[in-house]
Protein backbone atom coordinates (compact mmCIF):
# COMPACT_ATOMS: atom_id res chain seq x y z
CA ARG A 1 0.02 -0.07 0.00
CA CYS A 2 1.01 3.56 -0.53
CA ASP A 3 1.49 5.98 2.30
CA GLU A 4 -1.77 7.92 1.50
CA CYS A 5 -3.88 4.64 1.71
CA GLU A 6 -2.18 3.74 5.03
CA VAL A 7 -2.94 7.16 6.44
CA LEU A 8 -6.56 6.93 5.27
CA THR A 9 -6.91 3.52 6.92
CA THR A 10 -5.62 4.83 10.18
CA GLN A 11 -7.92 7.77 10.09
CA GLN A 12 -10.91 5.49 9.33
CA VAL A 13 -10.02 3.22 12.24
CA ARG A 14 -9.75 6.18 14.58
CA GLY A 15 -13.07 7.70 13.35
CA MET A 16 -11.49 10.98 12.24
CA LEU A 17 -12.80 11.30 8.76
CA PRO A 18 -15.47 13.97 8.29
CA GLY A 19 -18.88 12.46 7.93
CA MET A 20 -18.07 9.24 9.68
CA THR A 21 -20.75 8.51 12.21
CA THR A 22 -20.15 4.84 12.85
CA LYS A 23 -17.20 2.62 13.85
CA THR A 24 -16.60 -1.04 14.32
CA CYS A 25 -15.55 -2.16 17.73
CA THR A 26 -12.43 -4.33 17.47
CA ARG A 27 -13.50 -6.46 20.48
CA CYS A 28 -17.16 -7.27 19.82
CA ALA A 29 -17.00 -6.58 16.04
CA GLU A 30 -20.28 -4.64 16.10
CA VAL A 31 -20.78 -1.46 14.08
CA LYS A 32 -21.84 1.23 16.41
CA ASP A 33 -22.37 5.00 16.44
CA LEU A 34 -19.29 7.07 17.42
CA ALA A 35 -21.03 8.21 20.66
CA PHE A 36 -20.37 4.61 21.88
CA PHE A 37 -16.60 5.16 21.66
CA GLN A 38 -14.55 7.32 24.04
CA LYS A 39 -12.69 10.11 22.36
CA THR A 40 -8.83 10.20 22.43
CA LYS A 41 -6.30 12.70 21.11
CA GLY A 42 -6.12 10.79 17.84
CA GLY A 43 -9.89 10.13 17.29
CA HIS A 44 -11.83 7.40 19.15
CA GLN A 45 -10.84 4.33 21.07
CA SER A 46 -10.92 1.01 19.26
CA TRP A 47 -13.23 -0.76 21.82
CA CYS A 48 -16.70 0.54 22.52
CA ARG A 49 -17.61 1.79 25.99
CA GLY A 50 -19.52 -1.42 26.77
CA CYS A 51 -16.54 -3.70 25.92
CA LYS A 52 -14.14 -1.47 27.82
CA THR A 53 -16.31 -1.40 30.94
CA ALA A 54 -16.78 -5.23 30.84
CA TYR A 55 -13.03 -5.73 30.48
CA GLN A 56 -12.25 -3.34 33.28
CA ARG A 57 -14.79 -4.99 35.55
CA GLU A 58 -13.28 -8.41 34.92
CA ARG A 59 -9.76 -7.04 35.24
CA ARG A 60 -10.56 -5.64 38.70
CA LYS A 61 -11.63 -9.15 39.89
CA THR A 62 -8.05 -10.45 39.46
CA PRO A 63 -5.34 -9.78 42.07
CA ALA A 64 -3.16 -7.83 39.59
CA GLY A 65 -6.21 -5.65 38.60
CA ARG A 66 -7.07 -4.91 42.24
CA GLU A 67 -3.53 -3.95 42.94
CA GLU A 68 -3.37 -1.79 39.85
CA ALA A 69 -6.63 -0.01 40.87
CA ARG A 70 -5.35 0.48 44.45
CA ARG A 71 -2.04 2.00 43.16
CA TYR A 72 -3.88 4.30 40.81
CA LEU A 73 -6.44 5.51 43.42
CA SER A 74 -3.66 6.26 45.90
CA SER A 75 -1.68 8.29 43.26
CA ASP A 76 -2.13 12.06 43.04
CA LYS A 77 -3.78 11.69 39.62
CA GLY A 78 -6.16 9.03 40.86
CA ARG A 79 -7.26 11.05 43.90
CA ALA A 80 -7.75 14.17 41.77
CA ASN A 81 -9.78 12.28 39.16
CA SER A 82 -11.90 10.58 41.82
CA ALA A 83 -12.52 13.93 43.65
CA ARG A 84 -13.44 15.62 40.35
CA GLN A 85 -15.78 12.75 39.35
CA ASN A 86 -17.49 12.70 42.79
CA ALA A 87 -18.03 16.50 42.71
CA ARG A 88 -20.19 16.34 39.60
CA PRO A 89 -23.93 17.08 40.54
CA GLU A 90 -25.25 14.08 38.56
CA VAL A 91 -22.76 11.68 40.31
CA LYS A 92 -23.83 13.12 43.73
CA ALA A 93 -27.49 12.70 42.88
CA MET A 94 -26.98 9.12 41.66
CA LYS A 95 -25.02 8.16 44.83
CA ALA A 96 -27.71 9.79 47.03
CA GLN A 97 -30.44 7.96 45.15
CA PHE A 98 -28.62 4.59 45.57
CA GLN A 99 -27.90 5.22 49.25
CA ALA A 100 -31.60 5.92 49.88
CA SER A 101 -32.75 2.77 48.17
CA PRO A 102 -33.11 -0.58 50.01
CA ALA A 103 -30.11 -2.03 48.18
CA GLY A 104 -27.93 0.94 49.10
CA ARG A 105 -28.94 0.76 52.81
CA ASP A 106 -28.26 -2.94 52.78
CA SER A 107 -24.82 -2.36 51.21
CA GLN A 108 -24.04 0.28 53.84
CA ARG A 109 -25.18 -2.04 56.63
CA ARG A 110 -22.97 -4.92 55.39
CA TYR A 111 -20.04 -2.61 55.03
CA ARG A 112 -20.50 -1.24 58.59
CA GLN A 113 -20.54 -4.78 59.95
CA SER A 114 -17.45 -5.84 58.12
CA ASP A 115 -13.95 -5.59 59.76
CA SER A 116 -12.80 -2.83 57.33
CA GLY A 117 -16.11 -0.90 57.93
CA ARG A 118 -15.77 -1.10 61.68
CA GLU A 119 -12.19 -0.04 61.44
CA ALA A 120 -12.92 2.93 59.17
CA SER A 121 -15.86 3.97 61.41
CA SER A 122 -13.79 3.96 64.60
CA ALA A 123 -10.97 5.81 62.79
CA HIS A 124 -13.40 8.46 61.63
CA SER A 125 -14.84 8.75 65.15
CA ARG A 126 -11.35 9.25 66.61
CA SER A 127 -10.52 11.81 64.04
CA TRP A 128 -13.78 13.74 64.65
CA ILE A 129 -13.10 13.72 68.47
CA GLN A 130 -9.63 15.18 67.93
CA ARG A 131 -10.93 17.94 65.64
CA ASN A 132 -14.01 18.83 67.86
CA PRO A 133 -13.05 18.53 71.55
CA GLU A 134 -15.63 21.14 72.54
CA LYS A 135 -18.44 19.42 70.83
CA ARG A 136 -17.39 16.05 72.30
CA ALA A 137 -17.26 17.53 75.82
CA ALA A 138 -20.81 18.92 75.36
CA GLN A 139 -22.12 15.51 74.16
CA GLN A 140 -20.54 13.82 77.22
CA SER A 141 -22.06 16.42 79.54
CA VAL A 142 -25.53 15.77 78.11
CA TYR A 143 -25.03 11.98 78.26
CA TYR A 144 -24.07 12.03 81.97
CA ALA A 145 -26.74 14.59 82.87
CA VAL A 146 -29.37 12.28 81.27
CA LYS A 147 -27.87 9.31 83.00
CA LYS A 148 -28.00 11.04 86.44
CA GLY A 149 -31.49 12.42 85.90
CA VAL A 150 -30.46 16.12 85.64
CA LEU A 151 -31.85 16.26 82.10
CA LEU A 152 -34.90 14.35 80.87
CA ARG A 153 -34.98 13.05 77.29
CA PRO A 154 -38.51 13.37 75.86
CA THR A 155 -40.06 10.48 73.92
CA HIS A 156 -41.48 12.69 71.06
CA CYS A 157 -39.90 15.32 68.87
CA PRO A 158 -41.34 18.66 69.93
CA VAL A 159 -41.11 19.98 66.33
CA CYS A 160 -42.69 17.15 64.29
CA GLY A 161 -44.10 14.89 66.97
CA VAL A 162 -42.54 11.73 65.72
CA GLU A 163 -41.78 9.05 68.32
CA GLU A 164 -38.18 7.79 68.01
CA LYS A 165 -34.83 8.26 69.76
CA ILE A 166 -34.55 12.02 70.49
CA GLN A 167 -31.18 13.78 70.04
CA ALA A 168 -29.85 16.87 71.91
CA HIS A 169 -29.15 19.81 69.67
CA HIS A 170 -26.66 22.38 71.02
CA ALA A 171 -27.09 25.95 69.82
CA ASP A 172 -23.99 26.96 71.74
CA TYR A 173 -21.41 24.28 72.66
CA ALA A 174 -20.06 26.58 75.44
CA LYS A 175 -23.36 25.96 77.28
CA PRO A 176 -23.47 22.14 77.20
CA LEU A 177 -26.64 21.59 79.23
CA GLU A 178 -28.79 24.09 77.22
CA VAL A 179 -30.17 21.72 74.58
CA GLU A 180 -33.09 21.49 72.21
CA TRP A 181 -34.45 18.00 71.89
CA LEU A 182 -35.06 16.90 68.25
CA CYS A 183 -35.54 13.73 66.15
CA GLN A 184 -32.71 12.90 63.78
CA ARG A 185 -34.58 14.37 60.76
CA CYS A 186 -35.30 17.70 62.54
CA HIS A 187 -31.77 17.74 63.93
CA THR A 188 -30.27 17.37 60.50
CA LYS A 189 -32.44 20.13 59.21
CA ARG A 190 -31.45 22.46 62.05
CA HIS A 191 -27.80 21.99 61.21
CA ALA A 192 -28.43 22.61 57.54
CA VAL A 193 -29.83 26.06 58.29
């Protein structure tokens, strides 16, 4: 072949020719629209997104793939990409929707009961206590005051009337025994204001 034909063939494979709207995936051999192929500097990838995702999913199941993913996520580039991806509003909405679903709650429960989940939770608690000594002292003051009978924990939320475990909300942590009793939902709303 001449050089011109070879260049033309390379451009066709990459999906660079004007007017090209389809491309053949070199893995599944299906002809698909260019939207199914991730863009690269030279055109489009040779595998469609579905094949690439399936390959990556299988690769991560192998020890070498898990190690590769761990190394990437611990690198500066991996952390930056992960943070950028997680900051996208549609990703946040998708995660929130999954976490609110029964499958998401079940997944969270299983993780919290696992060794790594318990370890992560206790590490997070220790970190929070170190960062918030005043808040922790106020919480402990309320705990002991309730235990000794100095403060009485109501059975219903005074705002919405729901009957569940009521939490103490501190408007000022410097006054640890001045609390407003709220259910978890109302307490979360109060902190969001």
